[in-house]
Amino acid sequence: MTLVYIVCKDAVEAEKLSLRLLKKRLIACANIFPIRSLYRWKGKIMNEAENVIIAKTSEKNFNKVVNEARKIHSYKIPCILKIDSSANKDFEKWADKEMK
């Protein structure tokens, strides 16, 4: 199982992207969390409210998820991270079924 961590500008963008990935069966599910992000951008330290998606997918779908996210993401350089993980067999079986 692969987790995809995607930072979005707000909950609306996170939900829109999650729904797009679900409809295309590239992910099995997504969790959306409000976060506070501190980072350097164009020489300034930023302190922003954002939302993060943690999407559950397969290794083979990761690049497709990245490509779809980039199509509609509002950020010039979106944060899209791949996290390799393992899950209980029942969850993995369910997730694989949802991505077919």
Protein backbone atom coordinates (compact mmCIF):
# COMPACT_ATOMS: atom_id res chain seq x y z
CA MET A 1 0.00 0.00 0.00
CA THR A 2 1.13 3.52 -0.78
CA LEU A 3 0.01 6.64 1.05
CA VAL A 4 0.05 9.90 -0.88
CA TYR A 5 0.40 13.06 1.20
CA ILE A 6 -0.86 16.10 -0.73
CA VAL A 7 -0.96 19.64 0.67
CA CYS A 8 -3.79 21.87 -0.64
CA LYS A 9 -4.60 25.55 -0.19
CA ASP A 10 -7.94 24.81 1.54
CA ALA A 11 -10.59 22.19 2.27
CA VAL A 12 -12.46 22.94 -0.97
CA GLU A 13 -9.42 22.15 -3.11
CA ALA A 14 -8.61 19.05 -1.03
CA GLU A 15 -12.14 17.70 -1.41
CA LYS A 16 -12.26 18.47 -5.14
CA LEU A 17 -8.97 16.66 -5.72
CA SER A 18 -9.94 13.71 -3.51
CA LEU A 19 -13.26 13.27 -5.34
CA ARG A 20 -11.50 13.41 -8.73
CA LEU A 21 -9.04 10.71 -7.66
CA LEU A 22 -11.84 8.54 -6.24
CA LYS A 23 -13.99 8.86 -9.36
CA LYS A 24 -11.03 7.81 -11.51
CA ARG A 25 -10.44 4.86 -9.12
CA LEU A 26 -6.83 5.95 -8.54
CA ILE A 27 -7.28 5.91 -4.76
CA ALA A 28 -9.38 3.80 -2.40
CA CYS A 29 -10.04 6.58 0.11
CA ALA A 30 -8.79 9.94 1.33
CA ASN A 31 -8.56 11.66 4.68
CA ILE A 32 -8.50 15.46 4.79
CA PHE A 33 -6.98 17.33 7.73
CA PRO A 34 -6.59 21.05 8.47
CA ILE A 35 -2.92 21.88 9.09
CA ARG A 36 -0.66 24.86 9.73
CA SER A 37 2.38 25.04 7.44
CA LEU A 38 5.54 27.06 7.94
CA TYR A 39 7.91 27.22 4.97
CA ARG A 40 10.17 29.51 2.99
CA TRP A 41 8.78 30.83 -0.32
CA LYS A 42 10.54 33.37 -2.51
CA GLY A 43 12.81 34.46 0.35
CA LYS A 44 10.02 34.93 2.92
CA ILE A 45 8.98 32.66 5.77
CA MET A 46 5.32 31.80 5.35
CA ASN A 47 2.86 30.71 8.05
CA GLU A 48 -0.31 29.44 6.38
CA ALA A 49 -3.46 27.45 7.09
CA GLU A 50 -3.72 24.62 4.58
CA ASN A 51 -5.33 21.20 4.26
CA VAL A 52 -3.60 17.90 3.68
CA ILE A 53 -4.92 14.80 1.94
CA ILE A 54 -3.69 11.38 2.95
CA ALA A 55 -4.82 9.14 0.10
CA LYS A 56 -4.56 5.37 0.09
CA THR A 57 -3.48 3.89 -3.22
CA SER A 58 -1.24 1.27 -4.80
CA GLU A 59 2.37 1.56 -5.89
CA LYS A 60 1.30 1.21 -9.53
CA ASN A 61 -1.14 4.14 -9.23
CA PHE A 62 1.23 6.62 -7.60
CA ASN A 63 2.44 8.34 -10.81
CA LYS A 64 -1.13 8.55 -12.10
CA VAL A 65 -2.20 10.20 -8.83
CA VAL A 66 0.64 12.73 -9.17
CA ASN A 67 -0.31 13.52 -12.78
CA GLU A 68 -4.00 14.00 -11.93
CA ALA A 69 -3.18 16.17 -8.92
CA ARG A 70 -0.94 18.43 -10.99
CA LYS A 71 -3.71 18.96 -13.56
CA ILE A 72 -5.98 20.77 -11.10
CA HIS A 73 -3.76 21.79 -8.17
CA SER A 74 -3.57 25.53 -7.55
CA TYR A 75 0.07 25.54 -6.37
CA LYS A 76 2.92 26.07 -8.82
CA ILE A 77 4.96 23.49 -6.88
CA PRO A 78 2.55 21.21 -5.00
CA CYS A 79 3.80 19.01 -2.18
CA ILE A 80 2.97 15.43 -3.21
CA LEU A 81 4.79 12.82 -1.15
CA LYS A 82 4.83 9.04 -1.50
CA ILE A 83 4.89 7.06 1.74
CA ASP A 84 5.33 3.31 1.50
CA SER A 85 3.26 1.50 4.08
CA SER A 86 1.62 -1.77 4.92
CA ALA A 87 -1.91 -2.46 6.09
CA ASN A 88 -3.97 -5.28 7.46
CA LYS A 89 -4.93 -7.79 4.76
CA ASP A 90 -8.67 -7.05 4.95
CA PHE A 91 -8.07 -3.34 4.32
CA GLU A 92 -5.66 -4.01 1.47
CA LYS A 93 -8.16 -6.38 -0.16
CA TRP A 94 -10.92 -3.76 0.13
CA ALA A 95 -8.65 -1.00 -1.21
CA ASP A 96 -7.55 -3.07 -4.21
CA LYS A 97 -11.19 -3.79 -5.04
CA GLU A 98 -12.07 -0.07 -4.89
CA MET A 99 -9.28 0.84 -7.31
CA LYS A 100 -10.44 -1.58 -10.04
